[in-house]
Amino acid sequence: MLVHRKYRERGLARALVTRIVNIARAWAWRRWKREFIGEQQAAIKMFALLGFSNLVRLENYVKDMQAVAHDYVLMGLE
């Protein structure tokens, strides 16, 4: 999920993710997983506040289009 820079820090992403998780729970989905690169600290923090926990963090595991390495973070919610 990406919120345009102009609309960030207004709680939009959190509201959308919360709504999506609630819909999934109503459909009896049991597990959620979300992938990040380590630099996405704001998103990682928001998902942690929503109950997601760190499952895996692999240092320098993925490379972007400029071949710059980034940490891989996998979070989950049961």
N, C-alpha and C. Protein backbone atom coordinates (compact mmCIF):
# COMPACT_ATOMS: atom_id res chain seq x y z
N MET A 1 0.85 -1.15 0.00
CA MET A 1 0.00 0.00 0.00
C MET A 1 0.90 1.22 0.00
N LEU A 2 0.54 2.17 -0.82
CA LEU A 2 1.31 3.40 -0.91
C LEU A 2 0.36 4.58 -0.85
N VAL A 3 0.66 5.49 0.03
CA VAL A 3 -0.13 6.72 0.13
C VAL A 3 0.70 7.84 -0.47
N HIS A 4 0.10 8.62 -1.33
CA HIS A 4 0.80 9.74 -1.97
C HIS A 4 1.39 10.64 -0.88
N ARG A 5 2.57 11.10 -1.15
CA ARG A 5 3.32 11.94 -0.20
C ARG A 5 2.47 13.09 0.35
N LYS A 6 1.65 13.67 -0.49
CA LYS A 6 0.81 14.81 -0.11
C LYS A 6 -0.22 14.43 0.97
N TYR A 7 -0.58 13.15 1.06
CA TYR A 7 -1.64 12.72 1.98
C TYR A 7 -1.13 11.86 3.14
N ARG A 8 0.16 11.77 3.31
CA ARG A 8 0.72 10.95 4.38
C ARG A 8 0.52 11.59 5.75
N GLU A 9 0.68 10.77 6.77
CA GLU A 9 0.57 11.17 8.18
C GLU A 9 -0.82 11.67 8.53
N ARG A 10 -1.83 11.11 7.87
CA ARG A 10 -3.22 11.43 8.18
C ARG A 10 -3.99 10.19 8.63
N GLY A 11 -3.30 9.05 8.73
CA GLY A 11 -3.93 7.83 9.17
C GLY A 11 -4.64 7.05 8.07
N LEU A 12 -4.43 7.43 6.81
CA LEU A 12 -5.12 6.76 5.71
C LEU A 12 -4.69 5.31 5.55
N ALA A 13 -3.40 5.06 5.54
CA ALA A 13 -2.91 3.69 5.37
C ALA A 13 -3.38 2.81 6.52
N ARG A 14 -3.28 3.33 7.72
CA ARG A 14 -3.71 2.56 8.89
C ARG A 14 -5.21 2.23 8.81
N ALA A 15 -6.02 3.19 8.42
CA ALA A 15 -7.46 2.96 8.29
C ALA A 15 -7.75 1.91 7.22
N LEU A 16 -7.07 1.99 6.10
CA LEU A 16 -7.29 1.02 5.02
C LEU A 16 -6.85 -0.39 5.42
N VAL A 17 -5.67 -0.49 6.01
CA VAL A 17 -5.19 -1.81 6.43
C VAL A 17 -6.09 -2.39 7.50
N THR A 18 -6.51 -1.58 8.45
CA THR A 18 -7.42 -2.06 9.50
C THR A 18 -8.71 -2.59 8.88
N ARG A 19 -9.26 -1.87 7.94
CA ARG A 19 -10.50 -2.30 7.28
C ARG A 19 -10.29 -3.62 6.52
N ILE A 20 -9.18 -3.73 5.81
CA ILE A 20 -8.88 -4.95 5.06
C ILE A 20 -8.73 -6.14 6.00
N VAL A 21 -8.02 -5.96 7.10
CA VAL A 21 -7.85 -7.04 8.08
C VAL A 21 -9.20 -7.44 8.66
N ASN A 22 -10.04 -6.49 8.98
CA ASN A 22 -11.37 -6.81 9.52
C ASN A 22 -12.22 -7.58 8.52
N ILE A 23 -12.16 -7.21 7.26
CA ILE A 23 -12.89 -7.96 6.23
C ILE A 23 -12.35 -9.38 6.13
N ALA A 24 -11.04 -9.52 6.15
CA ALA A 24 -10.43 -10.85 6.06
C ALA A 24 -10.82 -11.72 7.25
N ARG A 25 -10.87 -11.13 8.42
CA ARG A 25 -11.29 -11.89 9.61
C ARG A 25 -12.74 -12.34 9.47
N ALA A 26 -13.58 -11.49 8.90
CA ALA A 26 -14.98 -11.86 8.68
C ALA A 26 -15.08 -13.04 7.71
N TRP A 27 -14.13 -13.16 6.82
CA TRP A 27 -14.10 -14.27 5.86
C TRP A 27 -13.33 -15.46 6.42
N ALA A 28 -12.95 -15.39 7.69
CA ALA A 28 -12.24 -16.46 8.41
C ALA A 28 -10.83 -16.70 7.90
N TRP A 29 -10.20 -15.68 7.35
CA TRP A 29 -8.78 -15.82 7.00
C TRP A 29 -7.99 -15.86 8.30
N ARG A 30 -7.06 -16.77 8.39
CA ARG A 30 -6.35 -16.96 9.65
C ARG A 30 -4.98 -16.30 9.70
N ARG A 31 -4.34 -16.16 8.55
CA ARG A 31 -2.98 -15.62 8.56
C ARG A 31 -2.81 -14.53 7.52
N TRP A 32 -2.02 -13.55 7.92
CA TRP A 32 -1.64 -12.48 7.02
C TRP A 32 -0.14 -12.35 7.04
N LYS A 33 0.45 -12.10 5.89
CA LYS A 33 1.89 -11.85 5.81
C LYS A 33 2.11 -10.60 4.97
N ARG A 34 3.16 -9.87 5.31
CA ARG A 34 3.48 -8.64 4.60
C ARG A 34 4.99 -8.53 4.49
N GLU A 35 5.47 -8.21 3.30
CA GLU A 35 6.91 -8.08 3.05
C GLU A 35 7.30 -6.61 2.94
N PHE A 36 8.49 -6.32 3.44
CA PHE A 36 9.04 -4.96 3.39
C PHE A 36 10.52 -5.03 3.08
N ILE A 37 11.07 -3.88 2.70
CA ILE A 37 12.52 -3.72 2.76
C ILE A 37 12.80 -2.95 4.04
N GLY A 38 13.97 -3.13 4.58
CA GLY A 38 14.30 -2.58 5.89
C GLY A 38 14.12 -1.08 6.02
N GLU A 39 14.25 -0.35 4.92
CA GLU A 39 14.13 1.10 4.98
C GLU A 39 12.70 1.58 5.16
N GLN A 40 11.73 0.73 5.05
CA GLN A 40 10.32 1.12 5.17
C GLN A 40 9.90 1.14 6.64
N GLN A 41 10.63 1.88 7.44
CA GLN A 41 10.42 1.88 8.89
C GLN A 41 9.03 2.38 9.30
N ALA A 42 8.51 3.37 8.62
CA ALA A 42 7.18 3.88 8.97
C ALA A 42 6.12 2.80 8.76
N ALA A 43 6.22 2.09 7.64
CA ALA A 43 5.25 1.02 7.36
C ALA A 43 5.42 -0.14 8.34
N ILE A 44 6.65 -0.50 8.64
CA ILE A 44 6.91 -1.59 9.59
C ILE A 44 6.33 -1.23 10.96
N LYS A 45 6.53 0.01 11.38
CA LYS A 45 6.00 0.46 12.67
C LYS A 45 4.47 0.42 12.68
N MET A 46 3.84 0.88 11.58
CA MET A 46 2.39 0.88 11.52
C MET A 46 1.83 -0.54 11.60
N PHE A 47 2.43 -1.47 10.84
CA PHE A 47 1.95 -2.85 10.87
C PHE A 47 2.17 -3.48 12.25
N ALA A 48 3.27 -3.13 12.92
CA ALA A 48 3.50 -3.63 14.28
C ALA A 48 2.42 -3.11 15.22
N LEU A 49 2.04 -1.85 15.07
CA LEU A 49 0.98 -1.30 15.91
C LEU A 49 -0.36 -1.98 15.67
N LEU A 50 -0.54 -2.55 14.48
CA LEU A 50 -1.77 -3.27 14.15
C LEU A 50 -1.72 -4.74 14.54
N GLY A 51 -0.63 -5.15 15.19
CA GLY A 51 -0.53 -6.51 15.71
C GLY A 51 0.35 -7.46 14.92
N PHE A 52 0.93 -6.99 13.81
CA PHE A 52 1.84 -7.83 13.04
C PHE A 52 3.15 -7.98 13.80
N SER A 53 3.75 -9.16 13.71
CA SER A 53 5.03 -9.39 14.38
C SER A 53 6.09 -9.75 13.34
N ASN A 54 7.34 -9.50 13.70
CA ASN A 54 8.45 -9.84 12.81
C ASN A 54 8.62 -11.34 12.75
N LEU A 55 8.62 -11.88 11.55
CA LEU A 55 8.85 -13.31 11.36
C LEU A 55 10.28 -13.57 10.89
N VAL A 56 10.75 -12.74 9.97
CA VAL A 56 12.09 -12.92 9.40
C VAL A 56 12.67 -11.56 9.06
N ARG A 57 13.96 -11.42 9.28
CA ARG A 57 14.71 -10.26 8.77
C ARG A 57 16.02 -10.79 8.23
N LEU A 58 16.22 -10.60 6.94
CA LEU A 58 17.44 -11.06 6.27
C LEU A 58 18.21 -9.84 5.78
N GLU A 59 19.42 -9.67 6.30
CA GLU A 59 20.22 -8.50 5.95
C GLU A 59 20.72 -8.59 4.52
N ASN A 60 20.62 -7.47 3.81
CA ASN A 60 21.12 -7.34 2.43
C ASN A 60 20.65 -8.46 1.52
N TYR A 61 19.40 -8.84 1.65
CA TYR A 61 18.85 -10.00 0.93
C TYR A 61 18.31 -9.66 -0.45
N VAL A 62 17.79 -8.47 -0.64
CA VAL A 62 17.21 -8.08 -1.93
C VAL A 62 17.97 -6.89 -2.50
N LYS A 63 17.98 -6.82 -3.84
CA LYS A 63 18.62 -5.69 -4.52
C LYS A 63 17.58 -4.96 -5.36
N ASP A 64 17.70 -3.64 -5.37
CA ASP A 64 16.79 -2.85 -6.19
C ASP A 64 17.32 -2.76 -7.62
N MET A 65 16.67 -1.97 -8.44
CA MET A 65 17.03 -1.86 -9.86
C MET A 65 18.42 -1.26 -10.07
N GLN A 66 18.96 -0.57 -9.06
CA GLN A 66 20.30 -0.01 -9.16
C GLN A 66 21.34 -0.93 -8.49
N ALA A 67 20.94 -2.15 -8.15
CA ALA A 67 21.78 -3.16 -7.52
C ALA A 67 22.21 -2.78 -6.10
N VAL A 68 21.42 -1.96 -5.43
CA VAL A 68 21.68 -1.60 -4.03
C VAL A 68 20.97 -2.62 -3.15
N ALA A 69 21.72 -3.21 -2.21
CA ALA A 69 21.16 -4.23 -1.34
C ALA A 69 20.32 -3.62 -0.22
N HIS A 70 19.26 -4.33 0.13
CA HIS A 70 18.36 -3.91 1.21
C HIS A 70 18.01 -5.12 2.06
N ASP A 71 17.70 -4.86 3.33
CA ASP A 71 17.21 -5.93 4.19
C ASP A 71 15.82 -6.35 3.75
N TYR A 72 15.51 -7.62 3.94
CA TYR A 72 14.17 -8.16 3.67
C TYR A 72 13.51 -8.40 5.02
N VAL A 73 12.28 -7.90 5.18
CA VAL A 73 11.53 -8.06 6.42
C VAL A 73 10.20 -8.72 6.10
N LEU A 74 9.88 -9.80 6.81
CA LEU A 74 8.61 -10.47 6.68
C LEU A 74 7.89 -10.37 8.01
N MET A 75 6.65 -9.84 7.97
CA MET A 75 5.84 -9.71 9.18
C MET A 75 4.58 -10.53 8.99
N GLY A 76 4.01 -10.98 10.11
CA GLY A 76 2.81 -11.78 10.02
C GLY A 76 1.82 -11.46 11.12
N LEU A 77 0.58 -11.83 10.86
CA LEU A 77 -0.51 -11.65 11.83
C LEU A 77 -1.34 -12.91 11.83
N GLU A 78 -1.56 -13.48 13.00
CA GLU A 78 -2.37 -14.69 13.12
C GLU A 78 -3.77 -14.31 13.54
